[in-house]
């Protein structure tokens, strides 16, 4: 989470919502107007993949072996899918729809009964909980 916070700060991204699921992540972010989002997402994936691989290797977790995939005729480690699925929100209503989707994703998947039960999302920030993992830039929609 610290890495995501630093990344958003370094690239002046405004983070409005997120959820970290067991096998994927959703982010609701607003880049500066003159910045193309695709290359930034690629950079974030590269940084977090490197960190994840290091952590799993050093912990001798059997999860590291599950990252091995065939790519370009060789066996390589892959944390992320090659593609990012983005959606441009053109209205404030659309932004909040995506934030709420993030918060309800663990519920829909049956991982928790209510969004408050999943600590790996921005829900705790919006609920004014004491267990906020990552600050949200609420001013981004104003």
C-alpha atoms as a PDB file:
ATOM      1  CA  UNK A   1       0.000   0.000   0.000  1.00  0.00           C
ATOM      2  CA  UNK A   2       2.913   2.317   0.683  1.00  0.00           C
ATOM      3  CA  UNK A   3       4.149   1.698  -2.850  1.00  0.00           C
ATOM      4  CA  UNK A   4       0.776   2.695  -4.334  1.00  0.00           C
ATOM      5  CA  UNK A   5       0.640   5.823  -2.175  1.00  0.00           C
ATOM      6  CA  UNK A   6       4.152   6.866  -3.254  1.00  0.00           C
ATOM      7  CA  UNK A   7       3.397   6.091  -6.889  1.00  0.00           C
ATOM      8  CA  UNK A   8       0.238   8.245  -6.853  1.00  0.00           C
ATOM      9  CA  UNK A   9       2.163  11.069  -5.201  1.00  0.00           C
ATOM     10  CA  UNK A  10       5.146  10.839  -7.569  1.00  0.00           C
ATOM     11  CA  UNK A  11       2.963  10.855 -10.705  1.00  0.00           C
ATOM     12  CA  UNK A  12       0.342  13.273  -9.333  1.00  0.00           C
ATOM     13  CA  UNK A  13      -2.444  10.724  -9.626  1.00  0.00           C
ATOM     14  CA  UNK A  14      -5.540  11.284  -7.554  1.00  0.00           C
ATOM     15  CA  UNK A  15      -6.706   8.042  -5.965  1.00  0.00           C
ATOM     16  CA  UNK A  16     -10.480   7.933  -5.430  1.00  0.00           C
ATOM     17  CA  UNK A  17     -11.010   4.252  -4.702  1.00  0.00           C
ATOM     18  CA  UNK A  18      -9.433   0.817  -4.742  1.00  0.00           C
ATOM     19  CA  UNK A  19      -9.859  -2.801  -3.835  1.00  0.00           C
ATOM     20  CA  UNK A  20      -7.182  -5.482  -3.664  1.00  0.00           C
ATOM     21  CA  UNK A  21      -8.722  -8.870  -4.372  1.00  0.00           C
ATOM     22  CA  UNK A  22      -6.994 -12.269  -4.152  1.00  0.00           C
ATOM     23  CA  UNK A  23      -6.197 -12.312  -7.886  1.00  0.00           C
ATOM     24  CA  UNK A  24      -6.802  -8.784  -9.160  1.00  0.00           C
ATOM     25  CA  UNK A  25      -6.888  -5.113  -8.250  1.00  0.00           C
ATOM     26  CA  UNK A  26      -9.268  -2.280  -9.107  1.00  0.00           C
ATOM     27  CA  UNK A  27      -8.129   1.337  -8.923  1.00  0.00           C
ATOM     28  CA  UNK A  28     -10.186   4.457  -9.482  1.00  0.00           C
ATOM     29  CA  UNK A  29      -7.579   7.074 -10.316  1.00  0.00           C
ATOM     30  CA  UNK A  30      -7.483  10.443 -12.026  1.00  0.00           C
ATOM     31  CA  UNK A  31      -4.260  11.259 -13.879  1.00  0.00           C
ATOM     32  CA  UNK A  32      -3.167  14.812 -14.674  1.00  0.00           C
ATOM     33  CA  UNK A  33      -4.856  16.049 -17.864  1.00  0.00           C
ATOM     34  CA  UNK A  34      -1.759  15.809 -20.050  1.00  0.00           C
ATOM     35  CA  UNK A  35      -0.752  12.297 -18.936  1.00  0.00           C
ATOM     36  CA  UNK A  36      -1.577   9.079 -20.754  1.00  0.00           C
ATOM     37  CA  UNK A  37      -2.745   6.484 -18.228  1.00  0.00           C
ATOM     38  CA  UNK A  38      -1.555   3.319 -20.028  1.00  0.00           C
ATOM     39  CA  UNK A  39       2.200   3.838 -19.560  1.00  0.00           C
ATOM     40  CA  UNK A  40       1.650   4.785 -15.907  1.00  0.00           C
ATOM     41  CA  UNK A  41      -0.272   1.591 -15.227  1.00  0.00           C
ATOM     42  CA  UNK A  42       2.527  -0.339 -16.928  1.00  0.00           C
ATOM     43  CA  UNK A  43       5.084   1.292 -14.654  1.00  0.00           C
ATOM     44  CA  UNK A  44       3.009   0.568 -11.546  1.00  0.00           C
ATOM     45  CA  UNK A  45       2.678  -3.075 -12.606  1.00  0.00           C
ATOM     46  CA  UNK A  46       6.431  -3.337 -13.207  1.00  0.00           C
ATOM     47  CA  UNK A  47       7.301  -1.877  -9.799  1.00  0.00           C
ATOM     48  CA  UNK A  48       4.784  -3.931  -7.839  1.00  0.00           C
ATOM     49  CA  UNK A  49       5.650  -7.122  -9.729  1.00  0.00           C
ATOM     50  CA  UNK A  50       9.321  -6.701  -8.848  1.00  0.00           C
ATOM     51  CA  UNK A  51       8.466  -6.074  -5.194  1.00  0.00           C
ATOM     52  CA  UNK A  52       6.086  -9.049  -5.056  1.00  0.00           C
ATOM     53  CA  UNK A  53       8.611 -11.403  -6.647  1.00  0.00           C
ATOM     54  CA  UNK A  54      11.315 -10.313  -4.201  1.00  0.00           C
ATOM     55  CA  UNK A  55       9.023 -10.800  -1.227  1.00  0.00           C
ATOM     56  CA  UNK A  56       7.831 -14.229  -2.348  1.00  0.00           C
ATOM     57  CA  UNK A  57      11.337 -15.407  -3.194  1.00  0.00           C
ATOM     58  CA  UNK A  58      12.764 -14.296   0.150  1.00  0.00           C
ATOM     59  CA  UNK A  59       9.927 -15.921   2.092  1.00  0.00           C
ATOM     60  CA  UNK A  60      10.473 -19.193   0.241  1.00  0.00           C
ATOM     61  CA  UNK A  61       6.742 -19.268  -0.416  1.00  0.00           C
ATOM     62  CA  UNK A  62       5.396 -21.886  -2.785  1.00  0.00           C
ATOM     63  CA  UNK A  63       3.398 -19.057  -4.348  1.00  0.00           C
ATOM     64  CA  UNK A  64       6.485 -17.933  -6.253  1.00  0.00           C
ATOM     65  CA  UNK A  65       6.413 -21.090  -8.366  1.00  0.00           C
ATOM     66  CA  UNK A  66       2.826 -20.266  -9.335  1.00  0.00           C
ATOM     67  CA  UNK A  67       4.063 -17.071 -11.001  1.00  0.00           C
ATOM     68  CA  UNK A  68       6.023 -19.042 -13.591  1.00  0.00           C
ATOM     69  CA  UNK A  69       4.371 -18.893 -17.007  1.00  0.00           C
ATOM     70  CA  UNK A  70       5.496 -19.604 -20.567  1.00  0.00           C
ATOM     71  CA  UNK A  71       6.050 -16.357 -22.469  1.00  0.00           C
ATOM     72  CA  UNK A  72       7.814 -15.943 -25.776  1.00  0.00           C
ATOM     73  CA  UNK A  73       9.099 -19.537 -25.648  1.00  0.00           C
ATOM     74  CA  UNK A  74      10.659 -19.137 -22.193  1.00  0.00           C
ATOM     75  CA  UNK A  75       9.509 -19.619 -18.633  1.00  0.00           C
ATOM     76  CA  UNK A  76       9.121 -16.233 -16.937  1.00  0.00           C
ATOM     77  CA  UNK A  77       7.544 -14.901 -13.787  1.00  0.00           C
ATOM     78  CA  UNK A  78       4.309 -12.978 -14.260  1.00  0.00           C
ATOM     79  CA  UNK A  79       2.432 -11.208 -11.491  1.00  0.00           C
ATOM     80  CA  UNK A  80       0.097  -9.205 -13.734  1.00  0.00           C
ATOM     81  CA  UNK A  81      -1.820  -9.886 -16.909  1.00  0.00           C
ATOM     82  CA  UNK A  82      -0.318  -8.167 -19.913  1.00  0.00           C
ATOM     83  CA  UNK A  83      -3.370  -5.998 -20.449  1.00  0.00           C
ATOM     84  CA  UNK A  84      -5.087  -3.420 -18.282  1.00  0.00           C
ATOM     85  CA  UNK A  85      -8.833  -2.914 -18.596  1.00  0.00           C
ATOM     86  CA  UNK A  86      -9.590   0.742 -18.119  1.00  0.00           C
ATOM     87  CA  UNK A  87     -12.795   2.741 -18.216  1.00  0.00           C
ATOM     88  CA  UNK A  88     -13.019   6.492 -18.696  1.00  0.00           C
ATOM     89  CA  UNK A  89     -15.513   8.004 -16.293  1.00  0.00           C
ATOM     90  CA  UNK A  90     -17.093  11.024 -17.905  1.00  0.00           C
ATOM     91  CA  UNK A  91     -19.418  12.007 -15.073  1.00  0.00           C
ATOM     92  CA  UNK A  92     -19.159  12.211 -11.307  1.00  0.00           C
ATOM     93  CA  UNK A  93     -21.947   9.623 -11.117  1.00  0.00           C
ATOM     94  CA  UNK A  94     -19.829   7.212 -13.152  1.00  0.00           C
ATOM     95  CA  UNK A  95     -16.853   7.772 -10.828  1.00  0.00           C
ATOM     96  CA  UNK A  96     -18.918   6.908  -7.743  1.00  0.00           C
ATOM     97  CA  UNK A  97     -20.377   3.887  -9.522  1.00  0.00           C
ATOM     98  CA  UNK A  98     -16.822   2.563  -9.987  1.00  0.00           C
ATOM     99  CA  UNK A  99     -15.817   3.354  -6.389  1.00  0.00           C
ATOM    100  CA  UNK A 100     -18.900   1.507  -5.124  1.00  0.00           C
ATOM    101  CA  UNK A 101     -18.101  -1.386  -7.464  1.00  0.00           C
ATOM    102  CA  UNK A 102     -14.679  -1.625  -5.785  1.00  0.00           C
ATOM    103  CA  UNK A 103     -16.232  -1.681  -2.324  1.00  0.00           C
ATOM    104  CA  UNK A 104     -18.823  -4.294  -3.227  1.00  0.00           C
ATOM    105  CA  UNK A 105     -16.503  -6.597  -5.183  1.00  0.00           C
ATOM    106  CA  UNK A 106     -15.465  -8.692  -2.125  1.00  0.00           C
ATOM    107  CA  UNK A 107     -19.137  -8.999  -1.112  1.00  0.00           C
ATOM    108  CA  UNK A 108     -20.183 -10.089  -4.593  1.00  0.00           C
ATOM    109  CA  UNK A 109     -17.416 -12.707  -4.579  1.00  0.00           C
ATOM    110  CA  UNK A 110     -18.581 -14.058  -1.211  1.00  0.00           C
ATOM    111  CA  UNK A 111     -15.392 -13.132   0.636  1.00  0.00           C
ATOM    112  CA  UNK A 112     -17.221 -10.967   3.203  1.00  0.00           C
ATOM    113  CA  UNK A 113     -20.833 -10.147   4.043  1.00  0.00           C
ATOM    114  CA  UNK A 114     -20.425  -6.364   3.963  1.00  0.00           C
ATOM    115  CA  UNK A 115     -17.822  -4.019   2.424  1.00  0.00           C
ATOM    116  CA  UNK A 116     -16.620  -3.077   5.923  1.00  0.00           C
ATOM    117  CA  UNK A 117     -15.398  -6.643   6.378  1.00  0.00           C
ATOM    118  CA  UNK A 118     -12.757  -6.314   3.643  1.00  0.00           C
ATOM    119  CA  UNK A 119      -9.797  -4.277   4.878  1.00  0.00           C
ATOM    120  CA  UNK A 120      -8.070  -4.143   1.470  1.00  0.00           C
ATOM    121  CA  UNK A 121     -10.285  -1.438  -0.017  1.00  0.00           C
ATOM    122  CA  UNK A 122     -10.989   2.255   0.233  1.00  0.00           C
ATOM    123  CA  UNK A 123     -14.281   1.522   1.982  1.00  0.00           C
ATOM    124  CA  UNK A 124     -12.751   2.116   5.409  1.00  0.00           C
ATOM    125  CA  UNK A 125     -11.680   5.603   4.356  1.00  0.00           C
ATOM    126  CA  UNK A 126     -15.188   6.561   3.239  1.00  0.00           C
ATOM    127  CA  UNK A 127     -16.697   4.982   6.364  1.00  0.00           C
ATOM    128  CA  UNK A 128     -14.343   7.099   8.531  1.00  0.00           C
ATOM    129  CA  UNK A 129     -12.895   3.973  10.101  1.00  0.00           C
ATOM    130  CA  UNK A 130      -9.748   3.859  12.218  1.00  0.00           C
ATOM    131  CA  UNK A 131      -8.333   1.131   9.950  1.00  0.00           C
ATOM    132  CA  UNK A 132      -7.528   3.182   6.841  1.00  0.00           C
ATOM    133  CA  UNK A 133      -4.697   1.567   4.888  1.00  0.00           C
ATOM    134  CA  UNK A 134      -4.416   4.229   2.216  1.00  0.00           C
ATOM    135  CA  UNK A 135      -5.581   7.841   2.123  1.00  0.00           C
ATOM    136  CA  UNK A 136      -8.002   8.826  -0.610  1.00  0.00           C
ATOM    137  CA  UNK A 137      -7.968  12.110  -2.520  1.00  0.00           C
ATOM    138  CA  UNK A 138     -11.624  12.979  -2.039  1.00  0.00           C
ATOM    139  CA  UNK A 139     -11.027  16.497  -3.393  1.00  0.00           C
ATOM    140  CA  UNK A 140     -10.428  14.971  -6.817  1.00  0.00           C
ATOM    141  CA  UNK A 141     -14.127  14.969  -7.655  1.00  0.00           C
ATOM    142  CA  UNK A 142     -14.780  18.535  -6.589  1.00  0.00           C
END
